[in-house]
C-alpha cells in the first residue's frame, strides 16, 4: 500500500480537495527505531546527529514526494507538541502558519516554538539548509468584553516579536456554526456560507494567498 491508496479524493464533494488521513498511533517507537537503523546503514561514517537530521528531513518528505506534482498546495495539520512528526513536517515545508489564541500563554508558546524552529534550521545548516519561513500568525476565538482586553494586551506583546507583515489582519471569531460544521464533517464555508466563521475563513484564505510569492 502506498500514499495513492490512502488519499481520500473529493472530500465533501469538493473537486481538487483531497485528504491524507492521519492516525493517533502514527508515531510508533519500534518503526522509528527500525527506520533510524536503516538510515544509519546507508550513510557513510554515520554519527547520531547526522543520521537523526537526515531521518527528520526525509520522513514526511519521502511520503509526500510521489504526489507533490499533482497539487498546488499541500497543507499539513501538525500536532501542537514538538515531536518527530511535527519537526519532519516542518522540514518538508516551505512555510508554516501559527494559529494562536489571544491569551498570554499563547505568546509564551509562540516564542518557544520560534526558538525551536530556529534551532531546527540551525541543526540542518551544515547538511541541507531548510527553506522554511513563517507565513504569519492567525488569532482565533477573538471576541468582546474581557477577551477583547486580553486580545489587545497580547497583541502589544506579540508586536514586539513579530513584524506587521507576519501578523494576519484576519482573525477567526468564536462561532458555534464552525463547531456544528465540524460535527457534521462539512466545511463551514459550504454548509453555512453566511456565518461569521465562514466569512472569516474566506478572508483568511484570500490573505493567505496574497502572502505567497506570485
Protein backbone atom coordinates (compact mmCIF):
# COMPACT_ATOMS: atom_id res chain seq x y z
CA UNK A 1 0.00 0.00 0.00
CA UNK A 2 1.36 3.45 -0.91
CA UNK A 3 0.17 7.02 -0.50
CA UNK A 4 -2.07 6.83 -3.59
CA UNK A 5 -4.10 4.08 -1.89
CA UNK A 6 -4.59 6.12 1.28
CA UNK A 7 -5.50 9.55 -0.08
CA UNK A 8 -9.25 10.22 0.03
CA UNK A 9 -10.26 12.29 -3.05
CA UNK A 10 -13.05 14.84 -3.44
CA UNK A 11 -13.52 15.44 0.28
CA UNK A 12 -17.05 16.75 0.97
CA UNK A 13 -17.67 16.57 -2.78
CA UNK A 14 -15.18 19.37 -3.49
CA UNK A 15 -13.12 18.79 -6.62
CA UNK A 16 -9.40 19.20 -6.02
CA UNK A 17 -9.70 18.85 -2.24
CA UNK A 18 -8.12 15.56 -1.19
CA UNK A 19 -7.29 14.30 2.29
CA UNK A 20 -4.42 12.17 3.54
CA UNK A 21 -5.80 10.93 6.89
CA UNK A 22 -3.61 10.67 9.96
CA UNK A 23 -3.67 8.26 12.87
CA UNK A 24 -3.15 8.73 16.59
CA UNK A 25 -0.91 5.64 16.51
CA UNK A 26 1.23 7.08 13.71
CA UNK A 27 4.21 7.59 16.00
CA UNK A 28 5.45 4.08 16.71
CA UNK A 29 8.77 3.84 18.57
CA UNK A 30 9.61 0.47 17.03
CA UNK A 31 9.09 1.74 13.48
CA UNK A 32 11.12 4.87 14.27
CA UNK A 33 14.00 2.78 15.66
CA UNK A 34 13.92 0.40 12.70
CA UNK A 35 13.91 3.26 10.19
CA UNK A 36 16.75 5.02 12.00
CA UNK A 37 18.78 1.82 11.80
CA UNK A 38 18.18 1.60 8.04
CA UNK A 39 19.22 5.24 7.62
CA UNK A 40 22.45 4.57 9.53
CA UNK A 41 23.27 1.71 7.16
CA UNK A 42 23.11 3.89 4.04
CA UNK A 43 25.02 6.89 5.42
CA UNK A 44 28.79 6.74 5.19
CA UNK A 45 30.61 7.24 8.52
CA UNK A 46 27.38 7.96 10.38
CA UNK A 47 27.14 9.72 13.70
CA UNK A 48 23.88 10.00 15.59
CA UNK A 49 23.26 13.67 14.78
CA UNK A 50 23.80 13.14 11.04
CA UNK A 51 21.53 10.10 10.96
CA UNK A 52 18.83 11.81 13.01
CA UNK A 53 18.86 15.02 10.95
CA UNK A 54 18.61 13.07 7.70
CA UNK A 55 15.78 10.94 9.07
CA UNK A 56 13.98 14.02 10.37
CA UNK A 57 14.24 15.67 6.99
CA UNK A 58 13.10 12.80 4.78
CA UNK A 59 10.45 11.06 6.93
CA UNK A 60 7.48 13.17 5.77
CA UNK A 61 9.15 14.38 2.58
CA UNK A 62 9.55 10.86 1.16
CA UNK A 63 5.92 10.04 1.92
CA UNK A 64 4.65 13.09 0.03
CA UNK A 65 7.10 13.09 -2.89
CA UNK A 66 5.08 10.75 -5.18
CA UNK A 67 2.06 13.09 -5.19
CA UNK A 68 3.51 16.60 -4.85
CA UNK A 69 3.34 17.33 -8.57
CA UNK A 70 -0.43 16.75 -8.53
CA UNK A 71 -1.21 19.61 -6.11
CA UNK A 72 -0.81 23.37 -5.96
CA UNK A 73 -0.81 23.25 -2.16
CA UNK A 74 -0.18 20.59 0.45
CA UNK A 75 -1.35 21.77 3.87
CA UNK A 76 -0.31 19.76 6.90
CA UNK A 77 -2.09 19.98 10.23
CA UNK A 78 0.74 19.36 12.69
CA UNK A 79 0.26 18.39 16.31
CA UNK A 80 0.90 21.19 18.84
CA UNK A 81 3.59 19.09 20.52
CA UNK A 82 7.08 19.47 19.09
CA UNK A 83 7.53 15.79 18.26
CA UNK A 84 9.34 13.99 15.44
CA UNK A 85 6.41 14.14 13.01
CA UNK A 86 5.95 17.88 13.57
CA UNK A 87 9.66 18.54 13.06
CA UNK A 88 9.70 16.36 9.94
CA UNK A 89 6.61 18.13 8.62
CA UNK A 90 8.30 21.48 9.16
CA UNK A 91 11.47 20.22 7.48
CA UNK A 92 9.46 19.26 4.40
CA UNK A 93 7.65 22.61 4.23
CA UNK A 94 8.26 25.96 2.57
CA UNK A 95 6.09 27.91 5.03
CA UNK A 96 4.38 27.45 8.35
CA UNK A 97 1.33 29.18 9.79
CA UNK A 98 0.86 29.73 13.52
CA UNK A 99 -2.73 29.69 14.85
CA UNK A 100 -2.92 31.22 18.32
CA UNK A 101 -5.45 32.27 20.92
CA UNK A 102 -5.39 35.84 22.27
CA UNK A 103 -4.11 34.68 25.65
CA UNK A 104 -0.81 35.38 27.47
CA UNK A 105 0.23 31.73 27.46
CA UNK A 106 -0.15 31.63 23.68
CA UNK A 107 2.60 34.24 23.42
CA UNK A 108 4.89 32.05 25.52
CA UNK A 109 4.06 29.07 23.30
CA UNK A 110 4.80 31.01 20.11
CA UNK A 111 8.10 32.27 21.47
CA UNK A 112 9.10 28.74 22.46
CA UNK A 113 8.11 27.32 19.07
CA UNK A 114 10.01 30.04 17.21
CA UNK A 115 13.15 29.26 19.21
CA UNK A 116 12.76 25.56 18.48
CA UNK A 117 12.25 26.17 14.77
CA UNK A 118 15.35 28.38 14.71
CA UNK A 119 17.27 25.55 16.37
CA UNK A 120 15.82 23.06 13.86
CA UNK A 121 17.03 25.20 10.95
CA UNK A 122 20.43 25.61 12.58
CA UNK A 123 20.83 21.84 13.03
CA UNK A 124 20.36 21.31 9.27
CA UNK A 125 22.56 24.22 8.19
CA UNK A 126 25.68 22.13 7.57
CA UNK A 127 23.85 19.41 5.62
CA UNK A 128 20.92 20.75 3.60
CA UNK A 129 19.65 24.14 4.82
CA UNK A 130 15.89 24.22 5.31
CA UNK A 131 13.90 26.59 3.12
CA UNK A 132 11.36 27.24 5.86
CA UNK A 133 9.71 30.60 6.54
CA UNK A 134 6.96 31.90 8.79
CA UNK A 135 3.97 32.90 6.68
CA UNK A 136 2.20 34.51 9.61
CA UNK A 137 0.28 34.30 12.89
CA UNK A 138 -3.51 33.94 12.89
CA UNK A 139 -5.50 34.64 16.03
CA UNK A 140 -8.59 32.56 16.71
CA UNK A 141 -11.54 32.85 19.09
CA UNK A 142 -11.29 36.61 19.36
CA UNK A 143 -14.33 38.18 20.95
CA UNK A 144 -15.56 41.08 23.01
CA UNK A 145 -15.54 42.04 26.68
CA UNK A 146 -12.79 40.62 28.87
CA UNK A 147 -11.39 38.59 25.96
CA UNK A 148 -11.06 41.78 23.92
CA UNK A 149 -8.94 43.36 26.65
CA UNK A 150 -6.76 40.22 26.72
CA UNK A 151 -6.51 40.38 22.94
CA UNK A 152 -5.23 43.96 23.00
CA UNK A 153 -2.70 43.13 25.72
CA UNK A 154 -1.49 40.04 23.88
CA UNK A 155 -1.24 41.94 20.59
CA UNK A 156 1.04 44.53 22.19
CA UNK A 157 3.35 41.72 23.33
CA UNK A 158 3.18 39.90 20.01
CA UNK A 159 4.11 43.05 18.08
CA UNK A 160 7.49 43.05 19.83
CA UNK A 161 8.27 39.56 18.48
CA UNK A 162 6.72 39.69 15.00
CA UNK A 163 6.63 42.23 12.20
CA UNK A 164 3.29 43.66 10.98
CA UNK A 165 3.70 41.59 7.80
CA UNK A 166 3.85 38.41 9.91
CA UNK A 167 0.54 39.11 11.66
CA UNK A 168 -2.57 38.23 9.67
CA UNK A 169 -5.15 41.01 9.65
CA UNK A 170 -7.90 38.40 9.61
CA UNK A 171 -8.85 36.73 12.88
CA UNK A 172 -11.28 33.85 13.34
CA UNK A 173 -14.16 34.72 15.68
CA UNK A 174 -16.00 32.45 18.08
CA UNK A 175 -18.85 30.95 16.06
CA UNK A 176 -20.95 27.95 17.05
CA UNK A 177 -21.58 27.28 13.36
CA UNK A 178 -17.95 26.25 12.93
CA UNK A 179 -18.37 23.63 15.67
CA UNK A 180 -21.60 22.42 14.06
CA UNK A 181 -19.89 22.10 10.68
CA UNK A 182 -17.07 20.06 12.20
CA UNK A 183 -19.63 17.80 13.90
CA UNK A 184 -21.32 17.30 10.53
CA UNK A 185 -17.99 16.61 8.77
CA UNK A 186 -18.56 19.53 6.39
CA UNK A 187 -16.60 22.74 5.77
CA UNK A 188 -18.38 25.70 7.32
CA UNK A 189 -17.71 27.69 4.13
CA UNK A 190 -20.01 25.36 2.18
CA UNK A 191 -22.52 24.30 4.83
CA UNK A 192 -23.09 27.75 6.39
CA UNK A 193 -21.58 30.27 3.97
CA UNK A 194 -23.24 33.31 5.58
CA UNK A 195 -21.98 32.65 9.10
CA UNK A 196 -19.32 34.88 10.64
CA UNK A 197 -16.91 31.95 10.87
CA UNK A 198 -17.34 31.12 7.18
CA UNK A 199 -16.75 34.72 6.11
CA UNK A 200 -13.65 34.90 8.29
CA UNK A 201 -12.19 31.71 6.80
CA UNK A 202 -12.81 33.03 3.28
CA UNK A 203 -11.00 36.26 4.16
CA UNK A 204 -8.19 34.23 5.74
CA UNK A 205 -7.81 32.18 2.55
CA UNK A 206 -7.58 35.36 0.46
CA UNK A 207 -4.97 36.85 2.80
CA UNK A 208 -3.08 33.55 2.87
CA UNK A 209 -2.82 33.54 -0.94
CA UNK A 210 -1.79 37.21 -1.02
CA UNK A 211 1.19 36.48 1.25
CA UNK A 212 2.58 33.78 -1.02
CA UNK A 213 5.07 34.77 -3.73
CA UNK A 214 3.45 35.06 -7.15
